[in-house]
């Protein structure tokens, strides 16, 4: 499974890499613009997207991806420190598959990834 983790906090990127690298290929981006560049040259099975980042935040990134159409759909998990209930209002369309609060609950995150992996036939098993 190829995962693109997008967060401006290096500690979170390190945590995600350590958690996921044993079973997945993990690439990193520090903001939405960086992520879009990486997605132009490589295909990913899953995006893990932070909410608040400089240059292009997570909501903007997901809206841009959504506008590209269903053929460009990539499952995504949205991370936030703002509380998942308040973020649901920002994500008025179905822009992501799951919202998870930070600090990350690693067991919950792994469970969400496994659920998405089962739903997406493009993904390989963990």
C-alpha atoms as a PDB file:
ATOM      1  CA  UNK A   1       0.000   0.000   0.000  1.00  0.00           C
ATOM      2  CA  UNK A   2       1.395   3.405  -0.984  1.00  0.00           C
ATOM      3  CA  UNK A   3       0.501   6.164   1.474  1.00  0.00           C
ATOM      4  CA  UNK A   4       1.155   9.900   1.212  1.00  0.00           C
ATOM      5  CA  UNK A   5       1.254  11.512   4.672  1.00  0.00           C
ATOM      6  CA  UNK A   6       0.785  15.287   4.566  1.00  0.00           C
ATOM      7  CA  UNK A   7       1.540  17.382   7.660  1.00  0.00           C
ATOM      8  CA  UNK A   8       3.666  20.424   8.451  1.00  0.00           C
ATOM      9  CA  UNK A   9       4.666  18.956  11.833  1.00  0.00           C
ATOM     10  CA  UNK A  10       7.801  16.835  11.496  1.00  0.00           C
ATOM     11  CA  UNK A  11       6.992  14.913  14.713  1.00  0.00           C
ATOM     12  CA  UNK A  12       3.670  13.758  13.234  1.00  0.00           C
ATOM     13  CA  UNK A  13       5.358  12.728   9.974  1.00  0.00           C
ATOM     14  CA  UNK A  14       7.952  10.766  11.957  1.00  0.00           C
ATOM     15  CA  UNK A  15       5.202   9.105  14.019  1.00  0.00           C
ATOM     16  CA  UNK A  16       3.291   8.124  10.860  1.00  0.00           C
ATOM     17  CA  UNK A  17       6.428   6.811   9.174  1.00  0.00           C
ATOM     18  CA  UNK A  18       7.397   4.686  12.174  1.00  0.00           C
ATOM     19  CA  UNK A  19       3.849   3.354  12.490  1.00  0.00           C
ATOM     20  CA  UNK A  20       3.227   2.596   8.814  1.00  0.00           C
ATOM     21  CA  UNK A  21       6.625   1.883   7.219  1.00  0.00           C
ATOM     22  CA  UNK A  22       6.836  -1.748   8.371  1.00  0.00           C
ATOM     23  CA  UNK A  23       3.822  -2.660   6.204  1.00  0.00           C
ATOM     24  CA  UNK A  24       3.414   0.226   3.737  1.00  0.00           C
ATOM     25  CA  UNK A  25       5.393   2.462   1.437  1.00  0.00           C
ATOM     26  CA  UNK A  26       5.170   5.930   3.006  1.00  0.00           C
ATOM     27  CA  UNK A  27       5.947   9.215   1.243  1.00  0.00           C
ATOM     28  CA  UNK A  28       5.834  12.555   3.020  1.00  0.00           C
ATOM     29  CA  UNK A  29       4.676  16.073   2.138  1.00  0.00           C
ATOM     30  CA  UNK A  30       4.756  19.187   4.314  1.00  0.00           C
ATOM     31  CA  UNK A  31       1.766  21.015   2.789  1.00  0.00           C
ATOM     32  CA  UNK A  32      -0.936  20.682   0.156  1.00  0.00           C
ATOM     33  CA  UNK A  33       1.164  22.120  -2.681  1.00  0.00           C
ATOM     34  CA  UNK A  34       3.977  19.689  -1.947  1.00  0.00           C
ATOM     35  CA  UNK A  35       1.425  16.859  -1.894  1.00  0.00           C
ATOM     36  CA  UNK A  36      -0.067  17.850  -5.255  1.00  0.00           C
ATOM     37  CA  UNK A  37       3.388  17.836  -6.835  1.00  0.00           C
ATOM     38  CA  UNK A  38       4.092  14.348  -5.495  1.00  0.00           C
ATOM     39  CA  UNK A  39       0.712  13.086  -6.740  1.00  0.00           C
ATOM     40  CA  UNK A  40       1.535  14.229 -10.269  1.00  0.00           C
ATOM     41  CA  UNK A  41       4.485  11.870 -10.473  1.00  0.00           C
ATOM     42  CA  UNK A  42       3.326   8.952  -8.328  1.00  0.00           C
ATOM     43  CA  UNK A  43       0.102   7.061  -7.566  1.00  0.00           C
ATOM     44  CA  UNK A  44      -1.020   6.590  -3.984  1.00  0.00           C
ATOM     45  CA  UNK A  45      -3.545   4.229  -2.431  1.00  0.00           C
ATOM     46  CA  UNK A  46      -4.237   6.480   0.583  1.00  0.00           C
ATOM     47  CA  UNK A  47      -3.761  10.072   1.721  1.00  0.00           C
ATOM     48  CA  UNK A  48      -3.395  11.014   5.378  1.00  0.00           C
ATOM     49  CA  UNK A  49      -4.015  14.766   5.383  1.00  0.00           C
ATOM     50  CA  UNK A  50      -3.479  17.324   8.137  1.00  0.00           C
ATOM     51  CA  UNK A  51      -6.015  20.101   8.530  1.00  0.00           C
ATOM     52  CA  UNK A  52      -3.986  23.248   9.201  1.00  0.00           C
ATOM     53  CA  UNK A  53      -0.822  23.731   7.118  1.00  0.00           C
ATOM     54  CA  UNK A  54       0.901  26.680   5.433  1.00  0.00           C
ATOM     55  CA  UNK A  55       0.621  27.409   1.682  1.00  0.00           C
ATOM     56  CA  UNK A  56      -2.306  25.014   1.153  1.00  0.00           C
ATOM     57  CA  UNK A  57      -4.235  23.483   4.036  1.00  0.00           C
ATOM     58  CA  UNK A  58      -5.901  20.089   4.068  1.00  0.00           C
ATOM     59  CA  UNK A  59      -9.397  21.350   3.204  1.00  0.00           C
ATOM     60  CA  UNK A  60      -8.071  23.215   0.156  1.00  0.00           C
ATOM     61  CA  UNK A  61      -6.118  20.161  -0.967  1.00  0.00           C
ATOM     62  CA  UNK A  62      -9.125  17.855  -0.692  1.00  0.00           C
ATOM     63  CA  UNK A  63     -11.375  20.353  -2.499  1.00  0.00           C
ATOM     64  CA  UNK A  64      -8.841  20.584  -5.333  1.00  0.00           C
ATOM     65  CA  UNK A  65      -8.688  16.796  -5.599  1.00  0.00           C
ATOM     66  CA  UNK A  66     -12.480  16.526  -5.491  1.00  0.00           C
ATOM     67  CA  UNK A  67     -12.787  18.985  -8.389  1.00  0.00           C
ATOM     68  CA  UNK A  68     -10.592  16.739 -10.543  1.00  0.00           C
ATOM     69  CA  UNK A  69     -13.398  14.185 -10.640  1.00  0.00           C
ATOM     70  CA  UNK A  70     -14.129  10.666  -9.455  1.00  0.00           C
ATOM     71  CA  UNK A  71     -11.514   9.088 -11.711  1.00  0.00           C
ATOM     72  CA  UNK A  72      -8.860  10.804  -9.547  1.00  0.00           C
ATOM     73  CA  UNK A  73     -10.385   9.629  -6.245  1.00  0.00           C
ATOM     74  CA  UNK A  74      -7.884   8.592  -3.573  1.00  0.00           C
ATOM     75  CA  UNK A  75      -9.177   7.430  -0.181  1.00  0.00           C
ATOM     76  CA  UNK A  76      -8.235   9.864   2.567  1.00  0.00           C
ATOM     77  CA  UNK A  77      -8.053  10.238   6.318  1.00  0.00           C
ATOM     78  CA  UNK A  78      -8.242  13.830   7.577  1.00  0.00           C
ATOM     79  CA  UNK A  79      -6.374  14.710  10.808  1.00  0.00           C
ATOM     80  CA  UNK A  80      -7.266  17.710  12.954  1.00  0.00           C
ATOM     81  CA  UNK A  81      -6.549  19.356  16.289  1.00  0.00           C
ATOM     82  CA  UNK A  82      -9.769  21.388  15.954  1.00  0.00           C
ATOM     83  CA  UNK A  83     -12.115  18.551  16.888  1.00  0.00           C
ATOM     84  CA  UNK A  84     -13.667  16.229  14.332  1.00  0.00           C
ATOM     85  CA  UNK A  85     -17.205  17.554  14.937  1.00  0.00           C
ATOM     86  CA  UNK A  86     -16.298  21.142  14.023  1.00  0.00           C
ATOM     87  CA  UNK A  87     -14.291  20.020  10.988  1.00  0.00           C
ATOM     88  CA  UNK A  88     -17.228  18.082   9.526  1.00  0.00           C
ATOM     89  CA  UNK A  89     -18.865  21.453   8.783  1.00  0.00           C
ATOM     90  CA  UNK A  90     -15.804  22.527   6.752  1.00  0.00           C
ATOM     91  CA  UNK A  91     -15.913  19.317   4.767  1.00  0.00           C
ATOM     92  CA  UNK A  92     -19.453  19.894   3.547  1.00  0.00           C
ATOM     93  CA  UNK A  93     -19.046  17.520   0.619  1.00  0.00           C
ATOM     94  CA  UNK A  94     -17.746  14.038   0.991  1.00  0.00           C
ATOM     95  CA  UNK A  95     -14.149  15.138   0.631  1.00  0.00           C
ATOM     96  CA  UNK A  96     -12.572  12.536   2.896  1.00  0.00           C
ATOM     97  CA  UNK A  97     -13.404   9.063   4.085  1.00  0.00           C
ATOM     98  CA  UNK A  98     -12.620   9.535   7.779  1.00  0.00           C
ATOM     99  CA  UNK A  99     -11.755  12.330  10.198  1.00  0.00           C
ATOM    100  CA  UNK A 100      -9.459  11.591  13.110  1.00  0.00           C
ATOM    101  CA  UNK A 101      -8.453  13.826  16.019  1.00  0.00           C
ATOM    102  CA  UNK A 102      -4.898  14.691  16.940  1.00  0.00           C
ATOM    103  CA  UNK A 103      -2.964  13.658  18.908  1.00  0.00           C
ATOM    104  CA  UNK A 104      -3.270  10.465  16.918  1.00  0.00           C
ATOM    105  CA  UNK A 105      -4.713   7.312  18.374  1.00  0.00           C
ATOM    106  CA  UNK A 106      -2.452   4.848  16.542  1.00  0.00           C
ATOM    107  CA  UNK A 107      -4.765   1.868  17.025  1.00  0.00           C
ATOM    108  CA  UNK A 108      -7.738   3.805  15.639  1.00  0.00           C
ATOM    109  CA  UNK A 109      -5.657   5.053  12.692  1.00  0.00           C
ATOM    110  CA  UNK A 110      -4.494   1.539  11.811  1.00  0.00           C
ATOM    111  CA  UNK A 111      -8.083   0.306  12.045  1.00  0.00           C
ATOM    112  CA  UNK A 112      -9.276   3.043   9.663  1.00  0.00           C
ATOM    113  CA  UNK A 113      -6.499   2.200   7.202  1.00  0.00           C
ATOM    114  CA  UNK A 114      -7.476  -1.469   7.279  1.00  0.00           C
ATOM    115  CA  UNK A 115     -11.130  -0.562   6.649  1.00  0.00           C
ATOM    116  CA  UNK A 116     -10.193   1.607   3.670  1.00  0.00           C
ATOM    117  CA  UNK A 117      -7.863  -1.066   2.372  1.00  0.00           C
ATOM    118  CA  UNK A 118     -10.688  -3.628   2.371  1.00  0.00           C
ATOM    119  CA  UNK A 119     -13.044  -1.209   0.575  1.00  0.00           C
ATOM    120  CA  UNK A 120     -10.562  -0.190  -2.114  1.00  0.00           C
ATOM    121  CA  UNK A 121      -9.739  -2.972  -4.564  1.00  0.00           C
ATOM    122  CA  UNK A 122      -6.752  -0.977  -5.873  1.00  0.00           C
ATOM    123  CA  UNK A 123      -5.035  -1.284  -2.504  1.00  0.00           C
ATOM    124  CA  UNK A 124      -2.972  -4.228  -1.468  1.00  0.00           C
ATOM    125  CA  UNK A 125      -3.470  -5.839   1.914  1.00  0.00           C
ATOM    126  CA  UNK A 126      -1.453  -4.628   4.908  1.00  0.00           C
END
